Amino acid sequence: MTASDESASSPADPGRPDDDIIDGEVLPPATPRAVENPLTPPLPDPDYTESGVPTFDFVRDKIENRITTAIGSQELAEGTPEGRQVDEMIRKRDEAAKKRLEEIRKSMGQ
């Protein structure tokens, strides 16, 4: 066995770089946009115009979703004992505030 045969069959020396090692980096999985044909322009977002302004339908849907969420939250809050207790506390506070305002107005002579 010659010296060249020994270096091919034995593990690489720590001080000598191995020619078989390939240096590289791990990339994240390809997204569908990265796989698309580079000659095809990306599809525009249907909720926005080409100048970046949201469409009327997009804005209307967003407002309707917020209203629906608010109504649902109110219904849930009113349906629980804690929600009814909070409503009662707010009602009492408002009554006390009206009485206090009437007292202040009377003391000022209005």
PDB file of N, CA and C in Angstrom:
ATOM      1  N   MET A   1       0.835  -1.173   0.000  1.00  0.00           N
ATOM      2  CA  MET A   1       0.000   0.000   0.000  1.00  0.00           C
ATOM      3  C   MET A   1       0.881   1.237   0.000  1.00  0.00           C
ATOM      4  N   THR A   2       0.551   2.199  -0.847  1.00  0.00           N
ATOM      5  CA  THR A   2       1.372   3.400  -0.957  1.00  0.00           C
ATOM      6  C   THR A   2       0.810   4.485  -0.063  1.00  0.00           C
ATOM      7  N   ALA A   3       1.512   5.575   0.041  1.00  0.00           N
ATOM      8  CA  ALA A   3       1.089   6.692   0.883  1.00  0.00           C
ATOM      9  C   ALA A   3      -0.189   7.318   0.352  1.00  0.00           C
ATOM     10  N   SER A   4      -0.350   7.342  -0.972  1.00  0.00           N
ATOM     11  CA  SER A   4      -1.569   7.930  -1.537  1.00  0.00           C
ATOM     12  C   SER A   4      -2.773   7.027  -1.265  1.00  0.00           C
ATOM     13  N   ASP A   5      -2.569   5.685  -1.254  1.00  0.00           N
ATOM     14  CA  ASP A   5      -3.658   4.766  -0.937  1.00  0.00           C
ATOM     15  C   ASP A   5      -4.075   4.902   0.519  1.00  0.00           C
ATOM     16  N   GLU A   6      -3.119   5.124   1.407  1.00  0.00           N
ATOM     17  CA  GLU A   6      -3.425   5.264   2.826  1.00  0.00           C
ATOM     18  C   GLU A   6      -4.234   6.521   3.086  1.00  0.00           C
ATOM     19  N   SER A   7      -3.921   7.637   2.418  1.00  0.00           N
ATOM     20  CA  SER A   7      -4.646   8.882   2.668  1.00  0.00           C
ATOM     21  C   SER A   7      -6.064   8.795   2.127  1.00  0.00           C
ATOM     22  N   ALA A   8      -6.280   7.996   1.073  1.00  0.00           N
ATOM     23  CA  ALA A   8      -7.617   7.866   0.509  1.00  0.00           C
ATOM     24  C   ALA A   8      -8.491   6.996   1.395  1.00  0.00           C
ATOM     25  N   SER A   9      -7.919   6.000   2.067  1.00  0.00           N
ATOM     26  CA  SER A   9      -8.731   5.095   2.861  1.00  0.00           C
ATOM     27  C   SER A   9      -8.809   5.508   4.322  1.00  0.00           C
ATOM     28  N   SER A  10      -7.895   6.343   4.793  1.00  0.00           N
ATOM     29  CA  SER A  10      -7.918   6.739   6.203  1.00  0.00           C
ATOM     30  C   SER A  10      -8.671   8.053   6.367  1.00  0.00           C
ATOM     31  N   PRO A  11      -9.188   8.309   7.571  1.00  0.00           N
ATOM     32  CA  PRO A  11      -9.893   9.575   7.806  1.00  0.00           C
ATOM     33  C   PRO A  11      -8.964  10.756   7.605  1.00  0.00           C
ATOM     34  N   ALA A  12      -9.555  11.902   7.314  1.00  0.00           N
ATOM     35  CA  ALA A  12      -8.769  13.102   7.024  1.00  0.00           C
ATOM     36  C   ALA A  12      -8.015  13.544   8.267  1.00  0.00           C
ATOM     37  N   ASP A  13      -6.830  14.077   8.039  1.00  0.00           N
ATOM     38  CA  ASP A  13      -6.033  14.627   9.127  1.00  0.00           C
ATOM     39  C   ASP A  13      -6.706  15.902   9.617  1.00  0.00           C
ATOM     40  N   PRO A  14      -6.700  16.163  10.938  1.00  0.00           N
ATOM     41  CA  PRO A  14      -7.350  17.351  11.447  1.00  0.00           C
ATOM     42  C   PRO A  14      -6.752  18.641  10.889  1.00  0.00           C
ATOM     43  N   GLY A  15      -5.498  18.647  10.578  1.00  0.00           N
ATOM     44  CA  GLY A  15      -4.853  19.854  10.084  1.00  0.00           C
ATOM     45  C   GLY A  15      -4.985  20.023   8.585  1.00  0.00           C
ATOM     46  N   ARG A  16      -5.461  19.021   7.868  1.00  0.00           N
ATOM     47  CA  ARG A  16      -5.515  19.070   6.411  1.00  0.00           C
ATOM     48  C   ARG A  16      -6.973  19.108   5.944  1.00  0.00           C
ATOM     49  N   PRO A  17      -7.346  20.057   5.087  1.00  0.00           N
ATOM     50  CA  PRO A  17      -8.740  20.096   4.624  1.00  0.00           C
ATOM     51  C   PRO A  17      -9.048  18.896   3.747  1.00  0.00           C
ATOM     52  N   ASP A  18     -10.241  18.378   3.871  1.00  0.00           N
ATOM     53  CA  ASP A  18     -10.671  17.238   3.076  1.00  0.00           C
ATOM     54  C   ASP A  18     -11.302  17.762   1.792  1.00  0.00           C
ATOM     55  N   ASP A  19     -10.908  17.206   0.672  1.00  0.00           N
ATOM     56  CA  ASP A  19     -11.427  17.666  -0.615  1.00  0.00           C
ATOM     57  C   ASP A  19     -12.873  17.252  -0.838  1.00  0.00           C
ATOM     58  N   ASP A  20     -13.374  16.262  -0.105  1.00  0.00           N
ATOM     59  CA  ASP A  20     -14.734  15.776  -0.297  1.00  0.00           C
ATOM     60  C   ASP A  20     -15.783  16.605   0.437  1.00  0.00           C
ATOM     61  N   ILE A  21     -15.385  17.478   1.361  1.00  0.00           N
ATOM     62  CA  ILE A  21     -16.336  18.274   2.134  1.00  0.00           C
ATOM     63  C   ILE A  21     -16.837  19.420   1.269  1.00  0.00           C
ATOM     64  N   ILE A  22     -18.160  19.568   1.246  1.00  0.00           N
ATOM     65  CA  ILE A  22     -18.773  20.657   0.492  1.00  0.00           C
ATOM     66  C   ILE A  22     -19.406  21.597   1.498  1.00  0.00           C
ATOM     67  N   ASP A  23     -19.007  22.841   1.428  1.00  0.00           N
ATOM     68  CA  ASP A  23     -19.517  23.841   2.348  1.00  0.00           C
ATOM     69  C   ASP A  23     -20.816  24.407   1.770  1.00  0.00           C
ATOM     70  N   GLY A  24     -21.837  24.596   2.591  1.00  0.00           N
ATOM     71  CA  GLY A  24     -23.102  25.143   2.126  1.00  0.00           C
ATOM     72  C   GLY A  24     -23.930  25.615   3.293  1.00  0.00           C
ATOM     73  N   GLU A  25     -25.108  26.087   2.990  1.00  0.00           N
ATOM     74  CA  GLU A  25     -26.009  26.539   4.034  1.00  0.00           C
ATOM     75  C   GLU A  25     -27.381  25.919   3.826  1.00  0.00           C
ATOM     76  N   VAL A  26     -28.121  25.801   4.926  1.00  0.00           N
ATOM     77  CA  VAL A  26     -29.457  25.228   4.875  1.00  0.00           C
ATOM     78  C   VAL A  26     -30.434  26.353   4.556  1.00  0.00           C
ATOM     79  N   LEU A  27     -31.246  26.157   3.532  1.00  0.00           N
ATOM     80  CA  LEU A  27     -32.231  27.157   3.129  1.00  0.00           C
ATOM     81  C   LEU A  27     -33.617  26.705   3.561  1.00  0.00           C
ATOM     82  N   PRO A  28     -34.503  27.672   3.836  1.00  0.00           N
ATOM     83  CA  PRO A  28     -35.873  27.293   4.184  1.00  0.00           C
ATOM     84  C   PRO A  28     -36.563  26.687   2.967  1.00  0.00           C
ATOM     85  N   PRO A  29     -37.643  25.948   3.187  1.00  0.00           N
ATOM     86  CA  PRO A  29     -38.353  25.358   2.049  1.00  0.00           C
ATOM     87  C   PRO A  29     -38.832  26.454   1.097  1.00  0.00           C
ATOM     88  N   ALA A  30     -38.864  26.127  -0.157  1.00  0.00           N
ATOM     89  CA  ALA A  30     -39.257  27.100  -1.167  1.00  0.00           C
ATOM     90  C   ALA A  30     -40.735  27.442  -1.010  1.00  0.00           C
ATOM     91  N   THR A  31     -41.040  28.719  -1.095  1.00  0.00           N
ATOM     92  CA  THR A  31     -42.431  29.165  -1.050  1.00  0.00           C
ATOM     93  C   THR A  31     -43.009  29.088  -2.455  1.00  0.00           C
ATOM     94  N   PRO A  32     -44.327  29.040  -2.585  1.00  0.00           N
ATOM     95  CA  PRO A  32     -44.914  28.957  -3.921  1.00  0.00           C
ATOM     96  C   PRO A  32     -44.499  30.107  -4.833  1.00  0.00           C
ATOM     97  N   ARG A  33     -44.323  31.307  -4.285  1.00  0.00           N
ATOM     98  CA  ARG A  33     -43.910  32.443  -5.113  1.00  0.00           C
ATOM     99  C   ARG A  33     -42.498  32.246  -5.653  1.00  0.00           C
ATOM    100  N   ALA A  34     -41.632  31.620  -4.868  1.00  0.00           N
ATOM    101  CA  ALA A  34     -40.258  31.430  -5.311  1.00  0.00           C
ATOM    102  C   ALA A  34     -40.181  30.402  -6.426  1.00  0.00           C
ATOM    103  N   VAL A  35     -41.146  29.496  -6.484  1.00  0.00           N
ATOM    104  CA  VAL A  35     -41.127  28.449  -7.483  1.00  0.00           C
ATOM    105  C   VAL A  35     -41.762  28.925  -8.797  1.00  0.00           C
ATOM    106  N   GLU A  36     -42.551  29.994  -8.744  1.00  0.00           N
ATOM    107  CA  GLU A  36     -43.222  30.490  -9.928  1.00  0.00           C
ATOM    108  C   GLU A  36     -42.211  30.861 -11.013  1.00  0.00           C
ATOM    109  N   ASN A  37     -42.719  30.930 -12.198  1.00  0.00           N
ATOM    110  CA  ASN A  37     -41.902  31.331 -13.329  1.00  0.00           C
ATOM    111  C   ASN A  37     -41.475  32.786 -13.131  1.00  0.00           C
ATOM    112  N   PRO A  38     -40.190  33.079 -13.217  1.00  0.00           N
ATOM    113  CA  PRO A  38     -39.733  34.453 -12.988  1.00  0.00           C
ATOM    114  C   PRO A  38     -40.221  35.423 -14.073  1.00  0.00           C
ATOM    115  N   LEU A  39     -40.657  34.905 -15.216  1.00  0.00           N
ATOM    116  CA  LEU A  39     -41.135  35.781 -16.275  1.00  0.00           C
ATOM    117  C   LEU A  39     -42.582  36.205 -16.048  1.00  0.00           C
ATOM    118  N   THR A  40     -43.304  35.487 -15.186  1.00  0.00           N
ATOM    119  CA  THR A  40     -44.690  35.813 -14.908  1.00  0.00           C
ATOM    120  C   THR A  40     -44.744  36.809 -13.758  1.00  0.00           C
ATOM    121  N   PRO A  41     -45.402  37.957 -13.944  1.00  0.00           N
ATOM    122  CA  PRO A  41     -45.483  38.917 -12.834  1.00  0.00           C
ATOM    123  C   PRO A  41     -46.380  38.364 -11.735  1.00  0.00           C
ATOM    124  N   PRO A  42     -46.139  38.733 -10.477  1.00  0.00           N
ATOM    125  CA  PRO A  42     -46.979  38.242  -9.378  1.00  0.00           C
ATOM    126  C   PRO A  42     -48.399  38.783  -9.528  1.00  0.00           C
ATOM    127  N   LEU A  43     -49.357  37.997  -9.074  1.00  0.00           N
ATOM    128  CA  LEU A  43     -50.750  38.420  -9.147  1.00  0.00           C
ATOM    129  C   LEU A  43     -50.987  39.558  -8.163  1.00  0.00           C
ATOM    130  N   PRO A  44     -51.727  40.585  -8.580  1.00  0.00           N
ATOM    131  CA  PRO A  44     -52.002  41.687  -7.645  1.00  0.00           C
ATOM    132  C   PRO A  44     -52.980  41.243  -6.572  1.00  0.00           C
ATOM    133  N   ASP A  45     -52.904  41.880  -5.419  1.00  0.00           N
ATOM    134  CA  ASP A  45     -53.817  41.581  -4.320  1.00  0.00           C
ATOM    135  C   ASP A  45     -55.206  42.059  -4.728  1.00  0.00           C
ATOM    136  N   PRO A  46     -56.214  41.184  -4.690  1.00  0.00           N
ATOM    137  CA  PRO A  46     -57.542  41.589  -5.163  1.00  0.00           C
ATOM    138  C   PRO A  46     -58.215  42.615  -4.252  1.00  0.00           C
ATOM    139  N   ASP A  47     -57.717  42.790  -3.036  1.00  0.00           N
ATOM    140  CA  ASP A  47     -58.327  43.732  -2.102  1.00  0.00           C
ATOM    141  C   ASP A  47     -57.802  45.157  -2.261  1.00  0.00           C
ATOM    142  N   TYR A  48     -56.812  45.352  -3.129  1.00  0.00           N
ATOM    143  CA  TYR A  48     -56.205  46.664  -3.320  1.00  0.00           C
ATOM    144  C   TYR A  48     -56.097  46.977  -4.804  1.00  0.00           C
ATOM    145  N   THR A  49     -56.148  48.255  -5.136  1.00  0.00           N
ATOM    146  CA  THR A  49     -55.946  48.667  -6.516  1.00  0.00           C
ATOM    147  C   THR A  49     -54.454  48.631  -6.820  1.00  0.00           C
ATOM    148  N   GLU A  50     -54.107  48.868  -8.071  1.00  0.00           N
ATOM    149  CA  GLU A  50     -52.684  48.842  -8.449  1.00  0.00           C
ATOM    150  C   GLU A  50     -51.896  49.932  -7.742  1.00  0.00           C
ATOM    151  N   SER A  51     -52.567  51.016  -7.360  1.00  0.00           N
ATOM    152  CA  SER A  51     -51.874  52.112  -6.672  1.00  0.00           C
ATOM    153  C   SER A  51     -51.817  51.902  -5.156  1.00  0.00           C
ATOM    154  N   GLY A  52     -52.366  50.776  -4.661  1.00  0.00           N
ATOM    155  CA  GLY A  52     -52.264  50.453  -3.243  1.00  0.00           C
ATOM    156  C   GLY A  52     -53.440  50.918  -2.406  1.00  0.00           C
ATOM    157  N   VAL A  53     -54.515  51.364  -3.031  1.00  0.00           N
ATOM    158  CA  VAL A  53     -55.694  51.824  -2.304  1.00  0.00           C
ATOM    159  C   VAL A  53     -56.633  50.638  -2.098  1.00  0.00           C
ATOM    160  N   PRO A  54     -57.154  50.453  -0.866  1.00  0.00           N
ATOM    161  CA  PRO A  54     -58.075  49.331  -0.643  1.00  0.00           C
ATOM    162  C   PRO A  54     -59.367  49.528  -1.429  1.00  0.00           C
ATOM    163  N   THR A  55     -59.933  48.433  -1.891  1.00  0.00           N
ATOM    164  CA  THR A  55     -61.178  48.499  -2.651  1.00  0.00           C
ATOM    165  C   THR A  55     -62.351  48.729  -1.707  1.00  0.00           C
ATOM    166  N   PHE A  56     -63.457  49.191  -2.286  1.00  0.00           N
ATOM    167  CA  PHE A  56     -64.657  49.446  -1.496  1.00  0.00           C
ATOM    168  C   PHE A  56     -65.151  48.165  -0.837  1.00  0.00           C
ATOM    169  N   ASP A  57     -65.138  47.062  -1.577  1.00  0.00           N
ATOM    170  CA  ASP A  57     -65.599  45.788  -1.023  1.00  0.00           C
ATOM    171  C   ASP A  57     -64.755  45.357   0.173  1.00  0.00           C
ATOM    172  N   PHE A  58     -63.444  45.554   0.082  1.00  0.00           N
ATOM    173  CA  PHE A  58     -62.543  45.174   1.176  1.00  0.00           C
ATOM    174  C   PHE A  58     -62.858  45.994   2.428  1.00  0.00           C
ATOM    175  N   VAL A  59     -63.035  47.310   2.249  1.00  0.00           N
ATOM    176  CA  VAL A  59     -63.317  48.186   3.387  1.00  0.00           C
ATOM    177  C   VAL A  59     -64.681  47.844   3.992  1.00  0.00           C
ATOM    178  N   ARG A  60     -65.693  47.617   3.145  1.00  0.00           N
ATOM    179  CA  ARG A  60     -67.024  47.273   3.629  1.00  0.00           C
ATOM    180  C   ARG A  60     -66.986  45.966   4.426  1.00  0.00           C
ATOM    181  N   ASP A  61     -66.287  44.956   3.896  1.00  0.00           N
ATOM    182  CA  ASP A  61     -66.184  43.676   4.602  1.00  0.00           C
ATOM    183  C   ASP A  61     -65.497  43.843   5.953  1.00  0.00           C
ATOM    184  N   LYS A  62     -64.461  44.671   5.995  1.00  0.00           N
ATOM    185  CA  LYS A  62     -63.740  44.880   7.237  1.00  0.00           C
ATOM    186  C   LYS A  62     -64.641  45.565   8.278  1.00  0.00           C
ATOM    187  N   ILE A  63     -65.415  46.555   7.836  1.00  0.00           N
ATOM    188  CA  ILE A  63     -66.325  47.251   8.750  1.00  0.00           C
ATOM    189  C   ILE A  63     -67.417  46.294   9.236  1.00  0.00           C
ATOM    190  N   GLU A  64     -67.974  45.502   8.328  1.00  0.00           N
ATOM    191  CA  GLU A  64     -69.018  44.550   8.714  1.00  0.00           C
ATOM    192  C   GLU A  64     -68.492  43.532   9.714  1.00  0.00           C
ATOM    193  N   ASN A  65     -67.258  43.080   9.531  1.00  0.00           N
ATOM    194  CA  ASN A  65     -66.672  42.123  10.476  1.00  0.00           C
ATOM    195  C   ASN A  65     -66.504  42.740  11.858  1.00  0.00           C
ATOM    196  N   ARG A  66     -66.092  44.008  11.894  1.00  0.00           N
ATOM    197  CA  ARG A  66     -65.917  44.675  13.188  1.00  0.00           C
ATOM    198  C   ARG A  66     -67.260  44.870  13.888  1.00  0.00           C
ATOM    199  N   ILE A  67     -68.277  45.250  13.118  1.00  0.00           N
ATOM    200  CA  ILE A  67     -69.606  45.437  13.707  1.00  0.00           C
ATOM    201  C   ILE A  67     -70.132  44.109  14.246  1.00  0.00           C
ATOM    202  N   THR A  68     -69.990  43.056  13.456  1.00  0.00           N
ATOM    203  CA  THR A  68     -70.454  41.740  13.874  1.00  0.00           C
ATOM    204  C   THR A  68     -69.742  41.279  15.136  1.00  0.00           C
ATOM    205  N   THR A  69     -68.447  41.515  15.204  1.00  0.00           N
ATOM    206  CA  THR A  69     -67.674  41.133  16.385  1.00  0.00           C
ATOM    207  C   THR A  69     -68.140  41.924  17.607  1.00  0.00           C
ATOM    208  N   ALA A  70     -68.391  43.215  17.425  1.00  0.00           N
ATOM    209  CA  ALA A  70     -68.833  44.046  18.542  1.00  0.00           C
ATOM    210  C   ALA A  70     -70.203  43.596  19.044  1.00  0.00           C
ATOM    211  N   ILE A  71     -71.116  43.309  18.122  1.00  0.00           N
ATOM    212  CA  ILE A  71     -72.454  42.860  18.519  1.00  0.00           C
ATOM    213  C   ILE A  71     -72.373  41.517  19.238  1.00  0.00           C
ATOM    214  N   GLY A  72     -71.568  40.608  18.703  1.00  0.00           N
ATOM    215  CA  GLY A  72     -71.416  39.304  19.348  1.00  0.00           C
ATOM    216  C   GLY A  72     -70.807  39.412  20.728  1.00  0.00           C
ATOM    217  N   SER A  73     -69.809  40.283  20.884  1.00  0.00           N
ATOM    218  CA  SER A  73     -69.183  40.470  22.196  1.00  0.00           C
ATOM    219  C   SER A  73     -70.186  41.035  23.191  1.00  0.00           C
ATOM    220  N   GLN A  74     -71.021  41.979  22.734  1.00  0.00           N
ATOM    221  CA  GLN A  74     -72.027  42.570  23.606  1.00  0.00           C
ATOM    222  C   GLN A  74     -73.048  41.513  24.034  1.00  0.00           C
ATOM    223  N   GLU A  75     -73.490  40.695  23.083  1.00  0.00           N
ATOM    224  CA  GLU A  75     -74.458  39.645  23.415  1.00  0.00           C
ATOM    225  C   GLU A  75     -73.883  38.653  24.416  1.00  0.00           C
ATOM    226  N   LEU A  76     -72.619  38.295  24.226  1.00  0.00           N
ATOM    227  CA  LEU A  76     -71.985  37.370  25.172  1.00  0.00           C
ATOM    228  C   LEU A  76     -71.846  37.998  26.554  1.00  0.00           C
ATOM    229  N   ALA A  77     -71.471  39.275  26.585  1.00  0.00           N
ATOM    230  CA  ALA A  77     -71.293  39.948  27.869  1.00  0.00           C
ATOM    231  C   ALA A  77     -72.620  40.073  28.615  1.00  0.00           C
ATOM    232  N   GLU A  78     -73.699  40.340  27.891  1.00  0.00           N
ATOM    233  CA  GLU A  78     -75.003  40.477  28.535  1.00  0.00           C
ATOM    234  C   GLU A  78     -75.540  39.130  29.003  1.00  0.00           C
ATOM    235  N   GLY A  79     -75.085  38.062  28.400  1.00  0.00           N
ATOM    236  CA  GLY A  79     -75.590  36.742  28.736  1.00  0.00           C
ATOM    237  C   GLY A  79     -74.951  36.126  29.959  1.00  0.00           C
ATOM    238  N   THR A  80     -73.891  36.722  30.480  1.00  0.00           N
ATOM    239  CA  THR A  80     -73.216  36.151  31.646  1.00  0.00           C
ATOM    240  C   THR A  80     -73.587  36.928  32.907  1.00  0.00           C
ATOM    241  N   PRO A  81     -73.524  36.299  34.063  1.00  0.00           N
ATOM    242  CA  PRO A  81     -73.812  37.015  35.320  1.00  0.00           C
ATOM    243  C   PRO A  81     -72.847  38.184  35.543  1.00  0.00           C
ATOM    244  N   GLU A  82     -71.588  38.002  35.190  1.00  0.00           N
ATOM    245  CA  GLU A  82     -70.606  39.074  35.369  1.00  0.00           C
ATOM    246  C   GLU A  82     -70.959  40.269  34.490  1.00  0.00           C
ATOM    247  N   GLY A  83     -71.406  39.991  33.259  1.00  0.00           N
ATOM    248  CA  GLY A  83     -71.789  41.068  32.352  1.00  0.00           C
ATOM    249  C   GLY A  83     -72.981  41.845  32.875  1.00  0.00           C
ATOM    250  N   ARG A  84     -73.967  41.136  33.428  1.00  0.00           N
ATOM    251  CA  ARG A  84     -75.138  41.813  33.997  1.00  0.00           C
ATOM    252  C   ARG A  84     -74.740  42.635  35.220  1.00  0.00           C
ATOM    253  N   GLN A  85     -73.808  42.122  36.014  1.00  0.00           N
ATOM    254  CA  GLN A  85     -73.341  42.845  37.197  1.00  0.00           C
ATOM    255  C   GLN A  85     -72.642  44.143  36.786  1.00  0.00           C
ATOM    256  N   VAL A  86     -71.826  44.075  35.752  1.00  0.00           N
ATOM    257  CA  VAL A  86     -71.136  45.270  35.275  1.00  0.00           C
ATOM    258  C   VAL A  86     -72.144  46.278  34.743  1.00  0.00           C
ATOM    259  N   ASP A  87     -73.145  45.818  34.003  1.00  0.00           N
ATOM    260  CA  ASP A  87     -74.183  46.722  33.493  1.00  0.00           C
ATOM    261  C   ASP A  87     -74.908  47.417  34.642  1.00  0.00           C
ATOM    262  N   GLU A  88     -75.203  46.675  35.693  1.00  0.00           N
ATOM    263  CA  GLU A  88     -75.874  47.258  36.854  1.00  0.00           C
ATOM    264  C   GLU A  88     -74.983  48.294  37.535  1.00  0.00           C
ATOM    265  N   MET A  89     -73.695  48.015  37.656  1.00  0.00           N
ATOM    266  CA  MET A  89     -72.760  48.974  38.255  1.00  0.00           C
ATOM    267  C   MET A  89     -72.691  50.251  37.423  1.00  0.00           C
ATOM    268  N   ILE A  90     -72.658  50.120  36.118  1.00  0.00           N
ATOM    269  CA  ILE A  90     -72.599  51.294  35.241  1.00  0.00           C
ATOM    270  C   ILE A  90     -73.891  52.100  35.360  1.00  0.00           C
ATOM    271  N   ARG A  91     -75.035  51.416  35.418  1.00  0.00           N
ATOM    272  CA  ARG A  91     -76.319  52.104  35.554  1.00  0.00           C
ATOM    273  C   ARG A  91     -76.365  52.891  36.861  1.00  0.00           C
ATOM    274  N   LYS A  92     -75.907  52.284  37.952  1.00  0.00           N
ATOM    275  CA  LYS A  92     -75.898  52.974  39.252  1.00  0.00           C
ATOM    276  C   LYS A  92     -74.942  54.168  39.230  1.00  0.00           C
ATOM    277  N   ARG A  93     -73.799  54.005  38.615  1.00  0.00           N
ATOM    278  CA  ARG A  93     -72.835  55.107  38.539  1.00  0.00           C
ATOM    279  C   ARG A  93     -73.404  56.270  37.735  1.00  0.00           C
ATOM    280  N   ASP A  94     -74.088  55.967  36.623  1.00  0.00           N
ATOM    281  CA  ASP A  94     -74.686  57.014  35.804  1.00  0.00           C
ATOM    282  C   ASP A  94     -75.780  57.760  36.575  1.00  0.00           C
ATOM    283  N   GLU A  95     -76.600  57.026  37.327  1.00  0.00           N
ATOM    284  CA  GLU A  95     -77.641  57.663  38.141  1.00  0.00           C
ATOM    285  C   GLU A  95     -77.017  58.580  39.187  1.00  0.00           C
ATOM    286  N   ALA A  96     -75.953  58.117  39.842  1.00  0.00           N
ATOM    287  CA  ALA A  96     -75.275  58.931  40.850  1.00  0.00           C
ATOM    288  C   ALA A  96     -74.665  60.177  40.210  1.00  0.00           C
ATOM    289  N   ALA A  97     -74.140  60.042  39.019  1.00  0.00           N
ATOM    290  CA  ALA A  97     -73.546  61.196  38.331  1.00  0.00           C
ATOM    291  C   ALA A  97     -74.620  62.220  37.972  1.00  0.00           C
ATOM    292  N   LYS A  98     -75.787  61.764  37.530  1.00  0.00           N
ATOM    293  CA  LYS A  98     -76.883  62.690  37.205  1.00  0.00           C
ATOM    294  C   LYS A  98     -77.358  63.431  38.455  1.00  0.00           C
ATOM    295  N   LYS A  99     -77.481  62.717  39.568  1.00  0.00           N
ATOM    296  CA  LYS A  99     -77.900  63.353  40.818  1.00  0.00           C
ATOM    297  C   LYS A  99     -76.879  64.399  41.252  1.00  0.00           C
ATOM    298  N   ARG A 100     -75.619  64.057  41.169  1.00  0.00           N
ATOM    299  CA  ARG A 100     -74.547  64.992  41.574  1.00  0.00           C
ATOM    300  C   ARG A 100     -74.550  66.217  40.675  1.00  0.00           C
ATOM    301  N   LEU A 101     -74.764  66.037  39.364  1.00  0.00           N
ATOM    302  CA  LEU A 101     -74.814  67.165  38.440  1.00  0.00           C
ATOM    303  C   LEU A 101     -75.993  68.077  38.780  1.00  0.00           C
ATOM    304  N   GLU A 102     -77.146  67.492  39.133  1.00  0.00           N
ATOM    305  CA  GLU A 102     -78.308  68.291  39.532  1.00  0.00           C
ATOM    306  C   GLU A 102     -77.994  69.096  40.794  1.00  0.00           C
ATOM    307  N   GLU A 103     -77.305  68.486  41.767  1.00  0.00           N
ATOM    308  CA  GLU A 103     -76.919  69.181  42.999  1.00  0.00           C
ATOM    309  C   GLU A 103     -76.000  70.353  42.689  1.00  0.00           C
ATOM    310  N   ILE A 104     -75.042  70.141  41.807  1.00  0.00           N
ATOM    311  CA  ILE A 104     -74.098  71.216  41.466  1.00  0.00           C
ATOM    312  C   ILE A 104     -74.830  72.353  40.783  1.00  0.00           C
ATOM    313  N   ARG A 105     -75.748  72.038  39.878  1.00  0.00           N
ATOM    314  CA  ARG A 105     -76.499  73.076  39.178  1.00  0.00           C
ATOM    315  C   ARG A 105     -77.378  73.873  40.156  1.00  0.00           C
ATOM    316  N   LYS A 106     -77.999  73.189  41.114  1.00  0.00           N
ATOM    317  CA  LYS A 106     -78.817  73.868  42.093  1.00  0.00           C
ATOM    318  C   LYS A 106     -77.982  74.803  42.958  1.00  0.00           C
ATOM    319  N   SER A 107     -76.776  74.336  43.341  1.00  0.00           N
ATOM    320  CA  SER A 107     -75.918  75.165  44.189  1.00  0.00           C
ATOM    321  C   SER A 107     -75.392  76.394  43.446  1.00  0.00           C
ATOM    322  N   MET A 108     -75.320  76.313  42.110  1.00  0.00           N
ATOM    323  CA  MET A 108     -74.857  77.454  41.313  1.00  0.00           C
ATOM    324  C   MET A 108     -76.018  78.393  40.977  1.00  0.00           C
ATOM    325  N   GLY A 109     -77.232  77.973  41.247  1.00  0.00           N
ATOM    326  CA  GLY A 109     -78.387  78.810  41.032  1.00  0.00           C
ATOM    327  C   GLY A 109     -78.951  78.697  39.626  1.00  0.00           C
ATOM    328  N   GLN A 110     -78.712  77.625  38.960  1.00  0.00           N
ATOM    329  CA  GLN A 110     -79.242  77.464  37.601  1.00  0.00           C
ATOM    330  C   GLN A 110     -80.536  76.783  37.628  1.00  0.00           C
TER     331      GLN A 110
END
